[in-house]
PDB file of N, CA and C in Angstrom:
ATOM      1  N   MET A   1     112.417  64.859-134.745  1.00  0.00           N
ATOM      2  CA  MET A   1     111.922  63.926-133.852  1.00  0.00           C
ATOM      3  C   MET A   1     111.303  64.586-132.736  1.00  0.00           C
ATOM      4  N   MET A   2     110.428  63.794-132.167  1.00  0.00           N
ATOM      5  CA  MET A   2     109.614  64.352-130.910  1.00  0.00           C
ATOM      6  C   MET A   2     110.336  63.849-129.570  1.00  0.00           C
ATOM      7  N   ARG A   3     110.448  64.702-128.786  1.00  0.00           N
ATOM      8  CA  ARG A   3     111.040  64.157-127.560  1.00  0.00           C
ATOM      9  C   ARG A   3     109.797  63.876-126.577  1.00  0.00           C
ATOM     10  N   ARG A   4     109.969  62.938-125.821  1.00  0.00           N
ATOM     11  CA  ARG A   4     109.151  62.566-124.899  1.00  0.00           C
ATOM     12  C   ARG A   4     109.370  63.420-123.613  1.00  0.00           C
ATOM     13  N   ARG A   5     108.209  63.529-122.972  1.00  0.00           N
ATOM     14  CA  ARG A   5     108.207  64.439-121.737  1.00  0.00           C
ATOM     15  C   ARG A   5     108.758  63.629-120.704  1.00  0.00           C
ATOM     16  N   PRO A   6     109.461  63.938-119.821  1.00  0.00           N
ATOM     17  CA  PRO A   6     109.887  63.117-118.626  1.00  0.00           C
ATOM     18  C   PRO A   6     108.574  63.035-117.577  1.00  0.00           C
ATOM     19  N   VAL A   7     108.475  61.648-117.285  1.00  0.00           N
ATOM     20  CA  VAL A   7     107.286  61.362-116.306  1.00  0.00           C
ATOM     21  C   VAL A   7     107.636  62.020-115.028  1.00  0.00           C
ATOM     22  N   MET A   8     106.541  62.793-114.601  1.00  0.00           N
ATOM     23  CA  MET A   8     106.804  63.454-113.379  1.00  0.00           C
ATOM     24  C   MET A   8     106.045  62.767-112.325  1.00  0.00           C
ATOM     25  N   ARG A   9     106.641  62.540-111.237  1.00  0.00           N
ATOM     26  CA  ARG A   9     105.957  61.807-110.070  1.00  0.00           C
ATOM     27  C   ARG A   9     105.436  62.892-109.165  1.00  0.00           C
ATOM     28  N   ARG A  10     104.365  62.606-108.649  1.00  0.00           N
ATOM     29  CA  ARG A  10     103.794  63.604-107.665  1.00  0.00           C
ATOM     30  C   ARG A  10     104.364  63.196-106.327  1.00  0.00           C
ATOM     31  N   ARG A  11     104.539  64.171-105.614  1.00  0.00           N
ATOM     32  CA  ARG A  11     104.991  64.040-104.372  1.00  0.00           C
ATOM     33  C   ARG A  11     103.807  63.985-103.378  1.00  0.00           C
ATOM     34  N   ARG A  12     103.528  62.992-102.637  1.00  0.00           N
ATOM     35  CA  ARG A  12     102.255  62.828-101.910  1.00  0.00           C
ATOM     36  C   ARG A  12     102.477  63.643-100.564  1.00  0.00           C
ATOM     37  N   GLY A  13     103.537  63.654-100.105  1.00  0.00           N
ATOM     38  CA  GLY A  13     103.657  64.308 -98.799  1.00  0.00           C
ATOM     39  C   GLY A  13     103.191  63.551 -97.622  1.00  0.00           C
ATOM     40  N   LEU A  14     103.097  64.010 -96.490  1.00  0.00           N
ATOM     41  CA  LEU A  14     102.830  63.299 -95.304  1.00  0.00           C
ATOM     42  C   LEU A  14     101.389  62.899 -95.285  1.00  0.00           C
ATOM     43  N   VAL A  15     100.505  63.824 -95.576  1.00  0.00           N
ATOM     44  CA  VAL A  15      99.059  63.640 -95.660  1.00  0.00           C
ATOM     45  C   VAL A  15      98.750  62.681 -96.681  1.00  0.00           C
ATOM     46  N   GLY A  16      99.377  62.641 -97.856  1.00  0.00           N
ATOM     47  CA  GLY A  16      99.027  61.539 -98.839  1.00  0.00           C
ATOM     48  C   GLY A  16      99.470  60.269 -98.334  1.00  0.00           C
ATOM     49  N   THR A  17     100.555  60.097 -97.672  1.00  0.00           N
ATOM     50  CA  THR A  17     101.066  58.881 -97.260  1.00  0.00           C
ATOM     51  C   THR A  17     100.153  58.327 -96.117  1.00  0.00           C
ATOM     52  N   MET A  18      99.642  59.154 -95.294  1.00  0.00           N
ATOM     53  CA  MET A  18      98.794  58.687 -94.259  1.00  0.00           C
ATOM     54  C   MET A  18      97.437  58.237 -94.894  1.00  0.00           C
ATOM     55  N   ALA A  19      97.049  58.990 -95.882  1.00  0.00           N
ATOM     56  CA  ALA A  19      95.812  58.566 -96.408  1.00  0.00           C
ATOM     57  C   ALA A  19      95.845  57.170 -97.127  1.00  0.00           C
ATOM     58  N   THR A  20      96.875  56.964 -97.799  1.00  0.00           N
ATOM     59  CA  THR A  20      97.220  55.606 -98.349  1.00  0.00           C
ATOM     60  C   THR A  20      97.233  54.502 -97.385  1.00  0.00           C
ATOM     61  N   THR A  21      98.008  54.885 -96.347  1.00  0.00           N
ATOM     62  CA  THR A  21      98.187  53.819 -95.241  1.00  0.00           C
ATOM     63  C   THR A  21      96.769  53.558 -94.467  1.00  0.00           C
ATOM     64  N   ALA A  22      95.847  54.552 -94.485  1.00  0.00           N
ATOM     65  CA  ALA A  22      94.660  54.367 -93.689  1.00  0.00           C
ATOM     66  C   ALA A  22      93.721  53.469 -94.706  1.00  0.00           C
ATOM     67  N   VAL A  23      93.832  53.770 -96.001  1.00  0.00           N
ATOM     68  CA  VAL A  23      93.053  52.889 -96.939  1.00  0.00           C
ATOM     69  C   VAL A  23      93.420  51.402 -96.969  1.00  0.00           C
ATOM     70  N   VAL A  24      94.736  51.294 -96.960  1.00  0.00           N
ATOM     71  CA  VAL A  24      95.339  49.768 -96.890  1.00  0.00           C
ATOM     72  C   VAL A  24      94.941  49.143 -95.592  1.00  0.00           C
ATOM     73  N   ALA A  25      95.009  49.755 -94.428  1.00  0.00           N
ATOM     74  CA  ALA A  25      94.745  49.257 -93.244  1.00  0.00           C
ATOM     75  C   ALA A  25      93.169  48.958 -93.062  1.00  0.00           C
ATOM     76  N   GLY A  26      92.420  50.017 -93.583  1.00  0.00           N
ATOM     77  CA  GLY A  26      91.054  49.605 -93.566  1.00  0.00           C
ATOM     78  C   GLY A  26      90.442  48.426 -94.403  1.00  0.00           C
ATOM     79  N   THR A  27      91.059  48.279 -95.547  1.00  0.00           N
ATOM     80  CA  THR A  27      90.852  47.124 -96.448  1.00  0.00           C
ATOM     81  C   THR A  27      91.200  45.836 -95.735  1.00  0.00           C
ATOM     82  N   ALA A  28      92.322  45.848 -95.160  1.00  0.00           N
ATOM     83  CA  ALA A  28      92.852  44.698 -94.501  1.00  0.00           C
ATOM     84  C   ALA A  28      92.042  44.261 -93.161  1.00  0.00           C
ATOM     85  N   ALA A  29      91.523  45.335 -92.550  1.00  0.00           N
ATOM     86  CA  ALA A  29      90.690  45.102 -91.424  1.00  0.00           C
ATOM     87  C   ALA A  29      89.223  44.539 -91.943  1.00  0.00           C
ATOM     88  N   ALA A  30      88.741  45.067 -92.967  1.00  0.00           N
ATOM     89  CA  ALA A  30      87.496  44.624 -93.447  1.00  0.00           C
ATOM     90  C   ALA A  30      87.554  43.203 -93.910  1.00  0.00           C
ATOM     91  N   THR A  31      88.667  42.891 -94.594  1.00  0.00           N
ATOM     92  CA  THR A  31      88.966  41.535 -94.984  1.00  0.00           C
ATOM     93  C   THR A  31      89.032  40.568 -93.948  1.00  0.00           C
ATOM     94  N   THR A  32      89.751  40.788 -92.939  1.00  0.00           N
ATOM     95  CA  THR A  32      89.845  40.005 -91.817  1.00  0.00           C
ATOM     96  C   THR A  32      88.523  39.822 -90.956  1.00  0.00           C
ATOM     97  N   GLY A  33      87.825  40.918 -90.904  1.00  0.00           N
ATOM     98  CA  GLY A  33      86.398  40.672 -90.227  1.00  0.00           C
ATOM     99  C   GLY A  33      85.491  39.793 -91.005  1.00  0.00           C
ATOM    100  N   ALA A  34      85.625  39.952 -92.366  1.00  0.00           N
ATOM    101  CA  ALA A  34      84.800  39.017 -93.251  1.00  0.00           C
ATOM    102  C   ALA A  34      85.150  37.592 -93.075  1.00  0.00           C
ATOM    103  N   ILE A  35      86.395  37.334 -93.086  1.00  0.00           N
ATOM    104  CA  ILE A  35      86.851  36.002 -92.843  1.00  0.00           C
ATOM    105  C   ILE A  35      86.426  35.373 -91.621  1.00  0.00           C
ATOM    106  N   GLN A  36      86.609  36.229 -90.472  1.00  0.00           N
ATOM    107  CA  GLN A  36      86.256  35.687 -89.143  1.00  0.00           C
ATOM    108  C   GLN A  36      84.656  35.535 -89.145  1.00  0.00           C
ATOM    109  N   ARG A  37      83.910  36.250 -89.696  1.00  0.00           N
ATOM    110  CA  ARG A  37      82.420  36.044 -89.661  1.00  0.00           C
ATOM    111  C   ARG A  37      82.123  34.792 -90.423  1.00  0.00           C
ATOM    112  N   ARG A  38      82.690  34.553 -91.487  1.00  0.00           N
ATOM    113  CA  ARG A  38      82.498  33.430 -92.350  1.00  0.00           C
ATOM    114  C   ARG A  38      82.871  32.058 -91.569  1.00  0.00           C
ATOM    115  N   SER A  39      83.931  32.148 -90.767  1.00  0.00           N
ATOM    116  CA  SER A  39      84.388  31.109 -90.084  1.00  0.00           C
ATOM    117  C   SER A  39      83.430  30.779 -88.771  1.00  0.00           C
ATOM    118  N   GLN A  40      83.042  31.835 -88.238  1.00  0.00           N
ATOM    119  CA  GLN A  40      82.066  31.649 -87.140  1.00  0.00           C
ATOM    120  C   GLN A  40      80.688  30.964 -87.698  1.00  0.00           C
ATOM    121  N   ALA A  41      80.282  31.386 -88.812  1.00  0.00           N
ATOM    122  CA  ALA A  41      79.030  30.982 -89.232  1.00  0.00           C
ATOM    123  C   ALA A  41      79.076  29.440 -89.619  1.00  0.00           C
ATOM    124  N   LYS A  42      80.340  29.023 -90.104  1.00  0.00           N
ATOM    125  CA  LYS A  42      80.558  27.706 -90.478  1.00  0.00           C
ATOM    126  C   LYS A  42      80.618  26.887 -89.139  1.00  0.00           C
ATOM    127  N   MET A  43      81.309  27.413 -88.066  1.00  0.00           N
ATOM    128  CA  MET A  43      81.270  26.545 -86.795  1.00  0.00           C
ATOM    129  C   MET A  43      79.804  26.437 -86.227  1.00  0.00           C
ATOM    130  N   GLN A  44      79.099  27.539 -86.330  1.00  0.00           N
ATOM    131  CA  GLN A  44      77.750  27.443 -85.756  1.00  0.00           C
ATOM    132  C   GLN A  44      76.954  26.467 -86.578  1.00  0.00           C
ATOM    133  N   ALA A  45      77.141  26.389 -87.824  1.00  0.00           N
ATOM    134  CA  ALA A  45      76.340  25.371 -88.628  1.00  0.00           C
ATOM    135  C   ALA A  45      76.643  23.911 -88.204  1.00  0.00           C
ATOM    136  N   GLN A  46      78.029  23.827 -88.075  1.00  0.00           N
ATOM    137  CA  GLN A  46      78.503  22.524 -87.655  1.00  0.00           C
ATOM    138  C   GLN A  46      78.018  22.081 -86.240  1.00  0.00           C
ATOM    139  N   ALA A  47      77.905  23.125 -85.371  1.00  0.00           N
ATOM    140  CA  ALA A  47      77.450  22.775 -84.045  1.00  0.00           C
ATOM    141  C   ALA A  47      75.973  22.451 -84.076  1.00  0.00           C
ATOM    142  N   ALA A  48      75.183  23.093 -84.858  1.00  0.00           N
ATOM    143  CA  ALA A  48      73.684  22.846 -85.186  1.00  0.00           C
ATOM    144  C   ALA A  48      73.532  21.487 -85.664  1.00  0.00           C
ATOM    145  N   GLU A  49      74.312  21.040 -86.671  1.00  0.00           N
ATOM    146  CA  GLU A  49      74.224  19.709 -87.257  1.00  0.00           C
ATOM    147  C   GLU A  49      74.439  18.644 -86.228  1.00  0.00           C
ATOM    148  N   SER A  50      75.592  18.867 -85.477  1.00  0.00           N
ATOM    149  CA  SER A  50      76.056  17.921 -84.450  1.00  0.00           C
ATOM    150  C   SER A  50      74.922  17.775 -83.332  1.00  0.00           C
ATOM    151  N   ALA A  51      74.237  18.838 -82.857  1.00  0.00           N
ATOM    152  CA  ALA A  51      73.141  18.876 -82.019  1.00  0.00           C
ATOM    153  C   ALA A  51      72.082  18.058 -82.485  1.00  0.00           C
ATOM    154  N   GLU A  52      71.819  18.316 -83.726  1.00  0.00           N
ATOM    155  CA  GLU A  52      70.547  17.632 -84.469  1.00  0.00           C
ATOM    156  C   GLU A  52      70.826  16.139 -84.619  1.00  0.00           C
ATOM    157  N   ALA A  53      72.016  15.757 -85.017  1.00  0.00           N
ATOM    158  CA  ALA A  53      72.405  14.353 -84.925  1.00  0.00           C
ATOM    159  C   ALA A  53      72.299  13.606 -83.702  1.00  0.00           C
ATOM    160  N   GLN A  54      72.681  14.395 -82.574  1.00  0.00           N
ATOM    161  CA  GLN A  54      72.631  13.701 -81.261  1.00  0.00           C
ATOM    162  C   GLN A  54      71.100  13.477 -80.943  1.00  0.00           C
ATOM    163  N   GLN A  55      70.289  14.578 -81.335  1.00  0.00           N
ATOM    164  CA  GLN A  55      68.802  14.368 -80.945  1.00  0.00           C
ATOM    165  C   GLN A  55      68.277  13.105 -81.741  1.00  0.00           C
ATOM    166  N   VAL A  56      68.540  12.990 -82.925  1.00  0.00           N
ATOM    167  CA  VAL A  56      68.152  12.009 -83.767  1.00  0.00           C
ATOM    168  C   VAL A  56      68.532  10.579 -83.159  1.00  0.00           C
ATOM    169  N   ALA A  57      69.788  10.655 -82.742  1.00  0.00           N
ATOM    170  CA  ALA A  57      70.267   9.341 -82.112  1.00  0.00           C
ATOM    171  C   ALA A  57      69.649   9.052 -80.831  1.00  0.00           C
ATOM    172  N   GLU A  58      69.351   9.926 -80.064  1.00  0.00           N
ATOM    173  CA  GLU A  58      68.635   9.855 -78.689  1.00  0.00           C
ATOM    174  C   GLU A  58      67.168   9.357 -79.015  1.00  0.00           C
ATOM    175  N   MET A  59      66.491   9.947 -79.931  1.00  0.00           N
ATOM    176  CA  MET A  59      65.244   9.487 -80.236  1.00  0.00           C
ATOM    177  C   MET A  59      65.023   8.039 -80.822  1.00  0.00           C
ATOM    178  N   GLN A  60      66.198   7.645 -81.644  1.00  0.00           N
ATOM    179  CA  GLN A  60      66.240   6.352 -82.230  1.00  0.00           C
ATOM    180  C   GLN A  60      66.324   5.344 -80.996  1.00  0.00           C
ATOM    181  N   GLN A  61      67.264   5.751 -80.058  1.00  0.00           N
ATOM    182  CA  GLN A  61      67.445   4.833 -78.819  1.00  0.00           C
ATOM    183  C   GLN A  61      66.231   4.552 -77.981  1.00  0.00           C
ATOM    184  N   GLN A  62      65.397   5.880 -77.969  1.00  0.00           N
ATOM    185  CA  GLN A  62      64.091   5.676 -77.185  1.00  0.00           C
ATOM    186  C   GLN A  62      63.098   4.788 -77.866  1.00  0.00           C
ATOM    187  N   LEU A  63      63.176   4.857 -79.180  1.00  0.00           N
ATOM    188  CA  LEU A  63      62.261   4.150 -80.058  1.00  0.00           C
ATOM    189  C   LEU A  63      62.637   2.626 -79.835  1.00  0.00           C
ATOM    190  N   ASN A  64      63.919   2.302 -79.874  1.00  0.00           N
ATOM    191  CA  ASN A  64      64.345   0.847 -79.710  1.00  0.00           C
ATOM    192  C   ASN A  64      64.111   0.370 -78.422  1.00  0.00           C
ATOM    193  N   ASP A  65      64.233   1.312 -77.356  1.00  0.00           N
ATOM    194  CA  ASP A  65      63.876   0.833 -75.969  1.00  0.00           C
ATOM    195  C   ASP A  65      62.415   0.557 -75.827  1.00  0.00           C
ATOM    196  N   MET A  66      61.491   1.337 -76.422  1.00  0.00           N
ATOM    197  CA  MET A  66      60.012   1.253 -76.319  1.00  0.00           C
ATOM    198  C   MET A  66      59.862  -0.147 -77.119  1.00  0.00           C
ATOM    199  N   GLN A  67      60.285  -0.438 -78.287  1.00  0.00           N
ATOM    200  CA  GLN A  67      60.061  -1.581 -78.981  1.00  0.00           C
ATOM    201  C   GLN A  67      60.401  -2.925 -78.343  1.00  0.00           C
ATOM    202  N   ALA A  68      61.625  -2.751 -77.650  1.00  0.00           N
ATOM    203  CA  ALA A  68      62.029  -3.791 -76.722  1.00  0.00           C
ATOM    204  C   ALA A  68      61.071  -4.174 -75.604  1.00  0.00           C
ATOM    205  N   GLN A  69      60.630  -3.086 -74.970  1.00  0.00           N
ATOM    206  CA  GLN A  69      59.764  -3.182 -73.807  1.00  0.00           C
ATOM    207  C   GLN A  69      58.339  -3.791 -74.378  1.00  0.00           C
ATOM    208  N   GLN A  70      57.974  -3.345 -75.536  1.00  0.00           N
ATOM    209  CA  GLN A  70      56.683  -3.882 -76.083  1.00  0.00           C
ATOM    210  C   GLN A  70      56.830  -5.302 -76.397  1.00  0.00           C
ATOM    211  N   LEU A  71      58.008  -5.787 -76.996  1.00  0.00           N
ATOM    212  CA  LEU A  71      58.262  -7.133 -77.313  1.00  0.00           C
ATOM    213  C   LEU A  71      58.420  -8.032 -75.952  1.00  0.00           C
ATOM    214  N   ALA A  72      59.019  -7.406 -74.954  1.00  0.00           N
ATOM    215  CA  ALA A  72      59.141  -8.260 -73.793  1.00  0.00           C
ATOM    216  C   ALA A  72      57.797  -8.329 -73.250  1.00  0.00           C
ATOM    217  N   ALA A  73      56.870  -7.353 -73.182  1.00  0.00           N
ATOM    218  CA  ALA A  73      55.610  -7.535 -72.656  1.00  0.00           C
ATOM    219  C   ALA A  73      54.655  -8.507 -73.495  1.00  0.00           C
ATOM    220  N   ALA A  74      55.014  -8.421 -74.878  1.00  0.00           N
ATOM    221  CA  ALA A  74      54.032  -9.302 -75.555  1.00  0.00           C
ATOM    222  C   ALA A  74      54.399 -10.840 -75.393  1.00  0.00           C
ATOM    223  N   THR A  75      55.801 -10.954 -75.160  1.00  0.00           N
ATOM    224  CA  THR A  75      56.170 -12.473 -75.129  1.00  0.00           C
ATOM    225  C   THR A  75      56.152 -13.027 -73.796  1.00  0.00           C
ATOM    226  N   GLN A  76      56.140 -12.171 -72.767  1.00  0.00           N
ATOM    227  CA  GLN A  76      56.094 -12.737 -71.411  1.00  0.00           C
ATOM    228  C   GLN A  76      54.480 -13.104 -70.923  1.00  0.00           C
ATOM    229  N   PRO A  77      54.144 -14.104 -70.389  1.00  0.00           N
ATOM    230  CA  PRO A  77      52.839 -14.275 -70.010  1.00  0.00           C
ATOM    231  C   PRO A  77      52.524 -13.310 -68.864  1.00  0.00           C
ATOM    232  N   ALA A  78      51.306 -12.882 -68.981  1.00  0.00           N
ATOM    233  CA  ALA A  78      50.656 -11.946 -67.972  1.00  0.00           C
ATOM    234  C   ALA A  78      50.568 -12.698 -66.514  1.00  0.00           C
ATOM    235  N   ALA A  79      50.814 -11.839 -65.560  1.00  0.00           N
ATOM    236  CA  ALA A  79      50.595 -12.356 -64.180  1.00  0.00           C
ATOM    237  C   ALA A  79      49.111 -12.316 -63.884  1.00  0.00           C
ATOM    238  N   ALA A  80      48.191 -12.973 -64.586  1.00  0.00           N
ATOM    239  CA  ALA A  80      46.800 -13.002 -64.371  1.00  0.00           C
ATOM    240  C   ALA A  80      46.490 -14.340 -63.668  1.00  0.00           C
ATOM    241  N   PRO A  81      45.263 -14.362 -63.004  1.00  0.00           N
ATOM    242  CA  PRO A  81      44.738 -15.628 -62.400  1.00  0.00           C
ATOM    243  C   PRO A  81      44.640 -16.720 -63.573  1.00  0.00           C
ATOM    244  N   ALA A  82      44.876 -17.791 -63.123  1.00  0.00           N
ATOM    245  CA  ALA A  82      44.622 -18.958 -64.128  1.00  0.00           C
ATOM    246  C   ALA A  82      43.329 -18.939 -64.789  1.00  0.00           C
ATOM    247  N   PRO A  83      43.244 -19.048 -66.211  1.00  0.00           N
ATOM    248  CA  PRO A  83      41.972 -19.101 -66.807  1.00  0.00           C
ATOM    249  C   PRO A  83      41.167 -20.336 -66.613  1.00  0.00           C
ATOM    250  N   ALA A  84      39.979 -20.146 -66.727  1.00  0.00           N
ATOM    251  CA  ALA A  84      39.146 -21.509 -66.513  1.00  0.00           C
ATOM    252  C   ALA A  84      39.295 -22.511 -67.740  1.00  0.00           C
ATOM    253  N   ALA A  85      38.959 -23.587 -67.626  1.00  0.00           N
ATOM    254  CA  ALA A  85      39.305 -24.702 -68.638  1.00  0.00           C
ATOM    255  C   ALA A  85      38.766 -24.207 -69.987  1.00  0.00           C
ATOM    256  N   GLY A  86      39.586 -24.381 -70.910  1.00  0.00           N
ATOM    257  CA  GLY A  86      39.035 -23.893 -72.277  1.00  0.00           C
ATOM    258  C   GLY A  86      39.645 -22.366 -72.490  1.00  0.00           C
ATOM    259  N   GLY A  87      39.982 -21.683 -71.529  1.00  0.00           N
ATOM    260  CA  GLY A  87      40.345 -20.346 -71.656  1.00  0.00           C
ATOM    261  C   GLY A  87      41.797 -20.187 -72.045  1.00  0.00           C
ATOM    262  N   ALA A  88      42.616 -21.216 -71.992  1.00  0.00           N
ATOM    263  CA  ALA A  88      43.958 -21.032 -72.324  1.00  0.00           C
ATOM    264  C   ALA A  88      44.055 -20.753 -73.855  1.00  0.00           C
ATOM    265  N   GLY A  89      43.246 -21.421 -74.638  1.00  0.00           N
ATOM    266  CA  GLY A  89      43.425 -21.295 -76.024  1.00  0.00           C
ATOM    267  C   GLY A  89      42.980 -19.842 -76.411  1.00  0.00           C
ATOM    268  N   THR A  90      41.956 -19.241 -75.771  1.00  0.00           N
ATOM    269  CA  THR A  90      41.593 -17.947 -76.099  1.00  0.00           C
ATOM    270  C   THR A  90      42.701 -16.959 -75.636  1.00  0.00           C
ATOM    271  N   ASP A  91      43.413 -17.011 -74.555  1.00  0.00           N
ATOM    272  CA  ASP A  91      44.514 -16.262 -74.177  1.00  0.00           C
ATOM    273  C   ASP A  91      45.616 -16.274 -75.199  1.00  0.00           C
ATOM    274  N   MET A  92      45.887 -17.598 -75.725  1.00  0.00           N
ATOM    275  CA  MET A  92      46.940 -17.614 -76.685  1.00  0.00           C
ATOM    276  C   MET A  92      46.629 -16.956 -77.980  1.00  0.00           C
ATOM    277  N   MET A  93      45.377 -17.087 -78.370  1.00  0.00           N
ATOM    278  CA  MET A  93      45.011 -16.410 -79.510  1.00  0.00           C
ATOM    279  C   MET A  93      45.000 -14.874 -79.456  1.00  0.00           C
ATOM    280  N   GLN A  94      44.660 -14.488 -78.175  1.00  0.00           N
ATOM    281  CA  GLN A  94      44.810 -12.907 -77.988  1.00  0.00           C
ATOM    282  C   GLN A  94      46.468 -12.481 -78.205  1.00  0.00           C
ATOM    283  N   GLN A  95      47.193 -13.305 -77.510  1.00  0.00           N
ATOM    284  CA  GLN A  95      48.469 -12.942 -77.676  1.00  0.00           C
ATOM    285  C   GLN A  95      49.098 -13.001 -79.042  1.00  0.00           C
ATOM    286  N   LEU A  96      48.620 -13.996 -79.826  1.00  0.00           N
ATOM    287  CA  LEU A  96      49.061 -14.165 -81.183  1.00  0.00           C
ATOM    288  C   LEU A  96      48.500 -13.034 -82.073  1.00  0.00           C
ATOM    289  N   GLN A  97      47.331 -12.607 -81.734  1.00  0.00           N
ATOM    290  CA  GLN A  97      46.743 -11.437 -82.530  1.00  0.00           C
ATOM    291  C   GLN A  97      47.466 -10.151 -82.250  1.00  0.00           C
ATOM    292  N   GLN A  98      47.844  -9.939 -80.969  1.00  0.00           N
ATOM    293  CA  GLN A  98      48.711  -8.907 -80.356  1.00  0.00           C
ATOM    294  C   GLN A  98      50.014  -8.841 -81.256  1.00  0.00           C
ATOM    295  N   LEU A  99      50.744 -10.000 -81.373  1.00  0.00           N
ATOM    296  CA  LEU A  99      51.945 -10.039 -81.975  1.00  0.00           C
ATOM    297  C   LEU A  99      51.751  -9.738 -83.520  1.00  0.00           C
ATOM    298  N   ALA A 100      50.717 -10.279 -84.159  1.00  0.00           N
ATOM    299  CA  ALA A 100      50.497  -9.932 -85.545  1.00  0.00           C
ATOM    300  C   ALA A 100      50.023  -8.353 -85.672  1.00  0.00           C
ATOM    301  N   SER A 101      49.553  -7.804 -84.846  1.00  0.00           N
ATOM    302  CA  SER A 101      49.126  -6.543 -84.860  1.00  0.00           C
ATOM    303  C   SER A 101      50.392  -5.625 -84.700  1.00  0.00           C
ATOM    304  N   MET A 102      51.394  -6.055 -83.872  1.00  0.00           N
ATOM    305  CA  MET A 102      52.700  -5.112 -83.646  1.00  0.00           C
ATOM    306  C   MET A 102      53.397  -5.469 -84.958  1.00  0.00           C
ATOM    307  N   LYS A 103      53.415  -6.545 -85.467  1.00  0.00           N
ATOM    308  CA  LYS A 103      54.094  -6.705 -86.763  1.00  0.00           C
ATOM    309  C   LYS A 103      53.673  -5.934 -87.903  1.00  0.00           C
ATOM    310  N   GLU A 104      52.271  -5.837 -88.033  1.00  0.00           N
ATOM    311  CA  GLU A 104      51.647  -4.937 -88.945  1.00  0.00           C
ATOM    312  C   GLU A 104      51.917  -3.540 -88.784  1.00  0.00           C
ATOM    313  N   GLN A 105      52.061  -3.153 -87.594  1.00  0.00           N
ATOM    314  CA  GLN A 105      52.423  -1.663 -87.255  1.00  0.00           C
ATOM    315  C   GLN A 105      53.813  -1.450 -87.516  1.00  0.00           C
ATOM    316  N   GLY A 106      54.642  -2.428 -87.704  1.00  0.00           N
ATOM    317  CA  GLY A 106      56.059  -2.299 -88.019  1.00  0.00           C
ATOM    318  C   GLY A 106      56.884  -2.235 -86.756  1.00  0.00           C
ATOM    319  N   LEU A 107      56.370  -2.630 -85.651  1.00  0.00           N
ATOM    320  CA  LEU A 107      57.083  -2.630 -84.397  1.00  0.00           C
ATOM    321  C   LEU A 107      57.863  -3.995 -84.345  1.00  0.00           C
ATOM    322  N   LEU A 108      57.551  -5.023 -85.057  1.00  0.00           N
ATOM    323  CA  LEU A 108      58.265  -6.242 -84.971  1.00  0.00           C
ATOM    324  C   LEU A 108      58.799  -6.496 -86.374  1.00  0.00           C
ATOM    325  N   SER A 109      60.053  -7.024 -86.534  1.00  0.00           N
ATOM    326  CA  SER A 109      60.439  -7.610 -87.792  1.00  0.00           C
ATOM    327  C   SER A 109      59.945  -8.944 -87.877  1.00  0.00           C
ATOM    328  N   ASP A 110      60.099  -9.456 -89.195  1.00  0.00           N
ATOM    329  CA  ASP A 110      59.703 -10.859 -89.425  1.00  0.00           C
ATOM    330  C   ASP A 110      60.379 -11.752 -88.413  1.00  0.00           C
ATOM    331  N   GLU A 111      61.689 -11.614 -88.311  1.00  0.00           N
ATOM    332  CA  GLU A 111      62.479 -12.401 -87.458  1.00  0.00           C
ATOM    333  C   GLU A 111      61.925 -12.372 -86.025  1.00  0.00           C
ATOM    334  N   GLU A 112      61.618 -11.295 -85.467  1.00  0.00           N
ATOM    335  CA  GLU A 112      61.232 -11.064 -84.234  1.00  0.00           C
ATOM    336  C   GLU A 112      59.824 -11.712 -83.926  1.00  0.00           C
ATOM    337  N   PHE A 113      58.962 -11.523 -84.992  1.00  0.00           N
ATOM    338  CA  PHE A 113      57.728 -12.098 -84.990  1.00  0.00           C
ATOM    339  C   PHE A 113      57.815 -13.594 -84.893  1.00  0.00           C
ATOM    340  N   ALA A 114      58.545 -14.125 -85.690  1.00  0.00           N
ATOM    341  CA  ALA A 114      58.666 -15.646 -85.709  1.00  0.00           C
ATOM    342  C   ALA A 114      59.151 -16.072 -84.445  1.00  0.00           C
ATOM    343  N   ALA A 115      60.238 -15.376 -83.768  1.00  0.00           N
ATOM    344  CA  ALA A 115      60.837 -15.927 -82.490  1.00  0.00           C
ATOM    345  C   ALA A 115      59.699 -15.811 -81.441  1.00  0.00           C
ATOM    346  N   ALA A 116      58.898 -14.709 -81.307  1.00  0.00           N
ATOM    347  CA  ALA A 116      57.955 -14.549 -80.356  1.00  0.00           C
ATOM    348  C   ALA A 116      56.905 -15.592 -80.509  1.00  0.00           C
ATOM    349  N   LYS A 117      56.558 -15.763 -81.646  1.00  0.00           N
ATOM    350  CA  LYS A 117      55.386 -16.898 -82.053  1.00  0.00           C
ATOM    351  C   LYS A 117      55.761 -18.165 -81.610  1.00  0.00           C
ATOM    352  N   ALA A 118      57.137 -18.457 -82.000  1.00  0.00           N
ATOM    353  CA  ALA A 118      57.753 -19.908 -81.566  1.00  0.00           C
ATOM    354  C   ALA A 118      57.766 -20.027 -80.007  1.00  0.00           C
ATOM    355  N   ARG A 119      58.063 -18.966 -79.328  1.00  0.00           N
ATOM    356  CA  ARG A 119      58.023 -18.994 -77.903  1.00  0.00           C
ATOM    357  C   ARG A 119      56.653 -19.284 -77.241  1.00  0.00           C
ATOM    358  N   LEU A 120      55.613 -18.599 -77.887  1.00  0.00           N
ATOM    359  CA  LEU A 120      54.316 -18.617 -77.492  1.00  0.00           C
ATOM    360  C   LEU A 120      53.715 -19.981 -77.795  1.00  0.00           C
ATOM    361  N   LEU A 121      53.947 -20.581 -78.948  1.00  0.00           N
ATOM    362  CA  LEU A 121      53.381 -21.731 -79.170  1.00  0.00           C
ATOM    363  C   LEU A 121      54.172 -22.932 -78.635  1.00  0.00           C
ATOM    364  N   GLY A 122      55.452 -22.699 -78.445  1.00  0.00           N
ATOM    365  CA  GLY A 122      56.293 -23.871 -78.005  1.00  0.00           C
ATOM    366  C   GLY A 122      56.361 -23.908 -76.414  1.00  0.00           C
ATOM    367  N   GLY A 123      55.825 -22.901 -75.872  1.00  0.00           N
ATOM    368  CA  GLY A 123      55.860 -22.845 -74.291  1.00  0.00           C
ATOM    369  C   GLY A 123      56.897 -22.265 -73.604  1.00  0.00           C
TER     370      GLY A 123
END
């Protein structure tokens, strides 16, 4: 029968132990740094998305304000001198045409157009 050789373990010594410790510590530091960089990148992306969403909301609010001003200007009679006889119909036609134009441009919904037209025709 064959005898097995006893397994001999190497003795690393102080330098070997220090080298192993340095490798383990370096790997841990690199892993921690990568995790931190990934986390920072995610936070920056979320901040950018948040800022973009806020800009979109502000622009939507400005658009709504502008539409409300245009609707108010279109539905309120102008402070102009009284038109001559027969001119009232022409002024009303111009206002109706302006309302129709605003509706075609998408500035007024069907309900807003109908309400403004009713106010104009109803007095």
